[in-house]
Amino acid sequence: MKSSKEVLKYHTRKSIFKSNESVCKCIPEISKIVVFIRATESIKILLSKK
Protein backbone atom coordinates (compact mmCIF):
# COMPACT_ATOMS: atom_id res chain seq x y z
CA MET A 1 0.00 0.00 0.00
CA LYS A 2 1.16 3.48 -0.84
CA SER A 3 1.01 6.15 1.81
CA SER A 4 -1.69 8.79 1.47
CA LYS A 5 0.97 11.44 0.76
CA GLU A 6 2.34 9.45 -2.18
CA VAL A 7 -1.16 8.95 -3.58
CA LEU A 8 -1.85 12.67 -3.23
CA LYS A 9 1.39 13.55 -5.04
CA TYR A 10 0.51 11.16 -7.87
CA HIS A 11 -2.98 12.62 -8.30
CA THR A 12 -1.78 16.24 -8.23
CA ARG A 13 0.84 15.43 -10.87
CA LYS A 14 -1.82 13.77 -13.00
CA SER A 15 -4.22 16.71 -12.72
CA ILE A 16 -1.42 19.22 -13.46
CA PHE A 17 -0.49 17.20 -16.55
CA LYS A 18 -4.13 17.10 -17.70
CA SER A 19 -4.55 20.86 -17.26
CA ASN A 20 -1.31 21.47 -19.20
CA GLU A 21 -2.59 19.19 -21.96
CA SER A 22 -5.83 21.17 -22.28
CA VAL A 23 -3.85 24.44 -22.37
CA CYS A 24 -1.72 23.02 -25.19
CA LYS A 25 -4.89 22.16 -27.12
CA CYS A 26 -6.16 25.72 -26.64
CA ILE A 27 -2.98 27.50 -27.80
CA PRO A 28 -3.46 26.84 -31.55
CA GLU A 29 -7.04 28.11 -31.33
CA ILE A 30 -5.92 31.27 -29.54
CA SER A 31 -3.15 31.90 -32.08
CA LYS A 32 -5.68 31.50 -34.92
CA ILE A 33 -7.87 34.15 -33.30
CA VAL A 34 -4.89 36.50 -32.82
CA VAL A 35 -3.86 36.07 -36.48
CA PHE A 36 -7.45 36.73 -37.57
CA ILE A 37 -7.63 39.91 -35.47
CA ARG A 38 -4.30 41.14 -36.88
CA ALA A 39 -5.47 40.40 -40.41
CA THR A 40 -8.70 42.36 -39.92
CA GLU A 41 -6.72 45.26 -38.42
CA SER A 42 -4.37 45.39 -41.41
CA ILE A 43 -7.32 45.19 -43.83
CA LYS A 44 -8.96 48.13 -42.03
CA ILE A 45 -5.73 50.14 -42.36
CA LEU A 46 -5.47 49.30 -46.07
CA LEU A 47 -9.10 50.28 -46.67
CA SER A 48 -8.74 53.56 -44.78
CA LYS A 49 -5.68 54.51 -46.89
CA LYS A 50 -7.63 54.27 -50.16
PDB file of N, CA and C in Angstrom:
ATOM      1  N   MET A   1       0.828  -1.221   0.000  1.00  0.00           N
ATOM      2  CA  MET A   1       0.000   0.000   0.000  1.00  0.00           C
ATOM      3  C   MET A   1       0.855   1.261   0.000  1.00  0.00           C
ATOM      4  N   LYS A   2       0.480   2.183  -0.826  1.00  0.00           N
ATOM      5  CA  LYS A   2       1.160   3.483  -0.842  1.00  0.00           C
ATOM      6  C   LYS A   2       0.623   4.345   0.293  1.00  0.00           C
ATOM      7  N   SER A   3       1.481   5.217   0.775  1.00  0.00           N
ATOM      8  CA  SER A   3       1.015   6.149   1.811  1.00  0.00           C
ATOM      9  C   SER A   3       0.095   7.189   1.177  1.00  0.00           C
ATOM     10  N   SER A   4      -0.734   7.809   1.991  1.00  0.00           N
ATOM     11  CA  SER A   4      -1.691   8.795   1.468  1.00  0.00           C
ATOM     12  C   SER A   4      -0.975   9.972   0.811  1.00  0.00           C
ATOM     13  N   LYS A   5       0.202  10.332   1.346  1.00  0.00           N
ATOM     14  CA  LYS A   5       0.971  11.438   0.759  1.00  0.00           C
ATOM     15  C   LYS A   5       1.413  11.098  -0.661  1.00  0.00           C
ATOM     16  N   GLU A   6       1.892   9.882  -0.855  1.00  0.00           N
ATOM     17  CA  GLU A   6       2.337   9.451  -2.185  1.00  0.00           C
ATOM     18  C   GLU A   6       1.180   9.457  -3.178  1.00  0.00           C
ATOM     19  N   VAL A   7       0.044   8.983  -2.733  1.00  0.00           N
ATOM     20  CA  VAL A   7      -1.155   8.953  -3.579  1.00  0.00           C
ATOM     21  C   VAL A   7      -1.552  10.374  -3.967  1.00  0.00           C
ATOM     22  N   LEU A   8      -1.509  11.266  -3.000  1.00  0.00           N
ATOM     23  CA  LEU A   8      -1.854  12.666  -3.230  1.00  0.00           C
ATOM     24  C   LEU A   8      -0.913  13.291  -4.256  1.00  0.00           C
ATOM     25  N   LYS A   9       0.390  13.029  -4.095  1.00  0.00           N
ATOM     26  CA  LYS A   9       1.392  13.549  -5.041  1.00  0.00           C
ATOM     27  C   LYS A   9       1.092  13.065  -6.455  1.00  0.00           C
ATOM     28  N   TYR A  10       0.798  11.759  -6.561  1.00  0.00           N
ATOM     29  CA  TYR A  10       0.511  11.162  -7.866  1.00  0.00           C
ATOM     30  C   TYR A  10      -0.694  11.825  -8.524  1.00  0.00           C
ATOM     31  N   HIS A  11      -1.754  12.029  -7.754  1.00  0.00           N
ATOM     32  CA  HIS A  11      -2.981  12.620  -8.301  1.00  0.00           C
ATOM     33  C   HIS A  11      -2.786  14.080  -8.689  1.00  0.00           C
ATOM     34  N   THR A  12      -2.017  14.829  -7.885  1.00  0.00           N
ATOM     35  CA  THR A  12      -1.782  16.238  -8.231  1.00  0.00           C
ATOM     36  C   THR A  12      -0.953  16.325  -9.501  1.00  0.00           C
ATOM     37  N   ARG A  13       0.038  15.457  -9.632  1.00  0.00           N
ATOM     38  CA  ARG A  13       0.840  15.429 -10.865  1.00  0.00           C
ATOM     39  C   ARG A  13      -0.036  15.138 -12.072  1.00  0.00           C
ATOM     40  N   LYS A  14      -0.921  14.159 -11.909  1.00  0.00           N
ATOM     41  CA  LYS A  14      -1.821  13.771 -12.999  1.00  0.00           C
ATOM     42  C   LYS A  14      -2.729  14.925 -13.407  1.00  0.00           C
ATOM     43  N   SER A  15      -3.298  15.608 -12.418  1.00  0.00           N
ATOM     44  CA  SER A  15      -4.219  16.709 -12.721  1.00  0.00           C
ATOM     45  C   SER A  15      -3.471  17.882 -13.346  1.00  0.00           C
ATOM     46  N   ILE A  16      -2.237  18.143 -12.874  1.00  0.00           N
ATOM     47  CA  ILE A  16      -1.425  19.219 -13.461  1.00  0.00           C
ATOM     48  C   ILE A  16      -1.137  18.885 -14.923  1.00  0.00           C
ATOM     49  N   PHE A  17      -0.778  17.624 -15.179  1.00  0.00           N
ATOM     50  CA  PHE A  17      -0.493  17.203 -16.551  1.00  0.00           C
ATOM     51  C   PHE A  17      -1.719  17.364 -17.440  1.00  0.00           C
ATOM     52  N   LYS A  18      -2.880  16.984 -16.933  1.00  0.00           N
ATOM     53  CA  LYS A  18      -4.126  17.104 -17.701  1.00  0.00           C
ATOM     54  C   LYS A  18      -4.441  18.557 -18.019  1.00  0.00           C
ATOM     55  N   SER A  19      -4.256  19.438 -17.033  1.00  0.00           N
ATOM     56  CA  SER A  19      -4.547  20.859 -17.264  1.00  0.00           C
ATOM     57  C   SER A  19      -3.567  21.438 -18.284  1.00  0.00           C
ATOM     58  N   ASN A  20      -2.295  21.023 -18.215  1.00  0.00           N
ATOM     59  CA  ASN A  20      -1.310  21.474 -19.197  1.00  0.00           C
ATOM     60  C   ASN A  20      -1.686  21.003 -20.593  1.00  0.00           C
ATOM     61  N   GLU A  21      -2.186  19.766 -20.677  1.00  0.00           N
ATOM     62  CA  GLU A  21      -2.594  19.195 -21.958  1.00  0.00           C
ATOM     63  C   GLU A  21      -3.721  20.017 -22.577  1.00  0.00           C
ATOM     64  N   SER A  22      -4.696  20.395 -21.764  1.00  0.00           N
ATOM     65  CA  SER A  22      -5.827  21.168 -22.279  1.00  0.00           C
ATOM     66  C   SER A  22      -5.379  22.562 -22.709  1.00  0.00           C
ATOM     67  N   VAL A  23      -4.407  23.133 -21.989  1.00  0.00           N
ATOM     68  CA  VAL A  23      -3.853  24.438 -22.367  1.00  0.00           C
ATOM     69  C   VAL A  23      -3.171  24.318 -23.727  1.00  0.00           C
ATOM     70  N   CYS A  24      -2.409  23.244 -23.916  1.00  0.00           N
ATOM     71  CA  CYS A  24      -1.717  23.016 -25.188  1.00  0.00           C
ATOM     72  C   CYS A  24      -2.711  22.897 -26.343  1.00  0.00           C
ATOM     73  N   LYS A  25      -3.852  22.290 -26.085  1.00  0.00           N
ATOM     74  CA  LYS A  25      -4.886  22.163 -27.120  1.00  0.00           C
ATOM     75  C   LYS A  25      -5.499  23.518 -27.444  1.00  0.00           C
ATOM     76  N   CYS A  26      -5.552  24.403 -26.449  1.00  0.00           N
ATOM     77  CA  CYS A  26      -6.162  25.721 -26.641  1.00  0.00           C
ATOM     78  C   CYS A  26      -5.247  26.687 -27.385  1.00  0.00           C
ATOM     79  N   ILE A  27      -3.932  26.544 -27.220  1.00  0.00           N
ATOM     80  CA  ILE A  27      -2.976  27.500 -27.795  1.00  0.00           C
ATOM     81  C   ILE A  27      -3.162  27.689 -29.303  1.00  0.00           C
ATOM     82  N   PRO A  28      -3.258  26.624 -30.112  1.00  0.00           N
ATOM     83  CA  PRO A  28      -3.461  26.842 -31.554  1.00  0.00           C
ATOM     84  C   PRO A  28      -4.722  27.627 -31.874  1.00  0.00           C
ATOM     85  N   GLU A  29      -5.786  27.371 -31.131  1.00  0.00           N
ATOM     86  CA  GLU A  29      -7.043  28.107 -31.335  1.00  0.00           C
ATOM     87  C   GLU A  29      -6.849  29.586 -31.035  1.00  0.00           C
ATOM     88  N   ILE A  30      -6.164  29.880 -29.930  1.00  0.00           N
ATOM     89  CA  ILE A  30      -5.919  31.273 -29.537  1.00  0.00           C
ATOM     90  C   ILE A  30      -5.066  31.967 -30.595  1.00  0.00           C
ATOM     91  N   SER A  31      -4.024  31.289 -31.079  1.00  0.00           N
ATOM     92  CA  SER A  31      -3.149  31.904 -32.078  1.00  0.00           C
ATOM     93  C   SER A  31      -3.905  32.169 -33.376  1.00  0.00           C
ATOM     94  N   LYS A  32      -4.837  31.281 -33.736  1.00  0.00           N
ATOM     95  CA  LYS A  32      -5.679  31.503 -34.922  1.00  0.00           C
ATOM     96  C   LYS A  32      -6.491  32.781 -34.758  1.00  0.00           C
ATOM     97  N   ILE A  33      -7.062  32.964 -33.578  1.00  0.00           N
ATOM     98  CA  ILE A  33      -7.871  34.155 -33.300  1.00  0.00           C
ATOM     99  C   ILE A  33      -7.005  35.404 -33.395  1.00  0.00           C
ATOM    100  N   VAL A  34      -5.808  35.349 -32.806  1.00  0.00           N
ATOM    101  CA  VAL A  34      -4.887  36.496 -32.825  1.00  0.00           C
ATOM    102  C   VAL A  34      -4.523  36.849 -34.263  1.00  0.00           C
ATOM    103  N   VAL A  35      -4.203  35.846 -35.066  1.00  0.00           N
ATOM    104  CA  VAL A  35      -3.857  36.067 -36.480  1.00  0.00           C
ATOM    105  C   VAL A  35      -5.036  36.695 -37.209  1.00  0.00           C
ATOM    106  N   PHE A  36      -6.238  36.203 -36.939  1.00  0.00           N
ATOM    107  CA  PHE A  36      -7.449  36.731 -37.568  1.00  0.00           C
ATOM    108  C   PHE A  36      -7.649  38.197 -37.212  1.00  0.00           C
ATOM    109  N   ILE A  37      -7.475  38.524 -35.927  1.00  0.00           N
ATOM    110  CA  ILE A  37      -7.630  39.913 -35.472  1.00  0.00           C
ATOM    111  C   ILE A  37      -6.602  40.806 -36.160  1.00  0.00           C
ATOM    112  N   ARG A  38      -5.358  40.353 -36.216  1.00  0.00           N
ATOM    113  CA  ARG A  38      -4.299  41.141 -36.877  1.00  0.00           C
ATOM    114  C   ARG A  38      -4.614  41.349 -38.347  1.00  0.00           C
ATOM    115  N   ALA A  39      -5.126  40.308 -38.994  1.00  0.00           N
ATOM    116  CA  ALA A  39      -5.475  40.401 -40.411  1.00  0.00           C
ATOM    117  C   ALA A  39      -6.574  41.434 -40.617  1.00  0.00           C
ATOM    118  N   THR A  40      -7.601  41.401 -39.784  1.00  0.00           N
ATOM    119  CA  THR A  40      -8.700  42.363 -39.919  1.00  0.00           C
ATOM    120  C   THR A  40      -8.207  43.781 -39.660  1.00  0.00           C
ATOM    121  N   GLU A  41      -7.291  43.932 -38.703  1.00  0.00           N
ATOM    122  CA  GLU A  41      -6.722  45.256 -38.417  1.00  0.00           C
ATOM    123  C   GLU A  41      -5.974  45.785 -39.633  1.00  0.00           C
ATOM    124  N   SER A  42      -5.143  44.946 -40.246  1.00  0.00           N
ATOM    125  CA  SER A  42      -4.366  45.385 -41.409  1.00  0.00           C
ATOM    126  C   SER A  42      -5.271  45.688 -42.596  1.00  0.00           C
ATOM    127  N   ILE A  43      -6.349  44.932 -42.755  1.00  0.00           N
ATOM    128  CA  ILE A  43      -7.317  45.192 -43.832  1.00  0.00           C
ATOM    129  C   ILE A  43      -7.985  46.550 -43.609  1.00  0.00           C
ATOM    130  N   LYS A  44      -8.359  46.832 -42.365  1.00  0.00           N
ATOM    131  CA  LYS A  44      -8.962  48.131 -42.031  1.00  0.00           C
ATOM    132  C   LYS A  44      -8.018  49.269 -42.385  1.00  0.00           C
ATOM    133  N   ILE A  45      -6.735  49.106 -42.068  1.00  0.00           N
ATOM    134  CA  ILE A  45      -5.729  50.143 -42.361  1.00  0.00           C
ATOM    135  C   ILE A  45      -5.617  50.336 -43.871  1.00  0.00           C
ATOM    136  N   LEU A  46      -5.575  49.221 -44.609  1.00  0.00           N
ATOM    137  CA  LEU A  46      -5.472  49.299 -46.069  1.00  0.00           C
ATOM    138  C   LEU A  46      -6.693  49.990 -46.667  1.00  0.00           C
ATOM    139  N   LEU A  47      -7.872  49.682 -46.158  1.00  0.00           N
ATOM    140  CA  LEU A  47      -9.102  50.285 -46.667  1.00  0.00           C
ATOM    141  C   LEU A  47      -9.170  51.773 -46.342  1.00  0.00           C
ATOM    142  N   SER A  48      -8.693  52.149 -45.178  1.00  0.00           N
ATOM    143  CA  SER A  48      -8.742  53.563 -44.783  1.00  0.00           C
ATOM    144  C   SER A  48      -7.746  54.405 -45.582  1.00  0.00           C
ATOM    145  N   LYS A  49      -6.685  53.772 -46.094  1.00  0.00           N
ATOM    146  CA  LYS A  49      -5.682  54.506 -46.886  1.00  0.00           C
ATOM    147  C   LYS A  49      -6.213  54.863 -48.267  1.00  0.00           C
ATOM    148  N   LYS A  50      -7.116  54.046 -48.792  1.00  0.00           N
ATOM    149  CA  LYS A  50      -7.633  54.272 -50.158  1.00  0.00           C
ATOM    150  C   LYS A  50      -8.459  55.541 -50.260  1.00  0.00           C
TER     151      LYS A  50
END
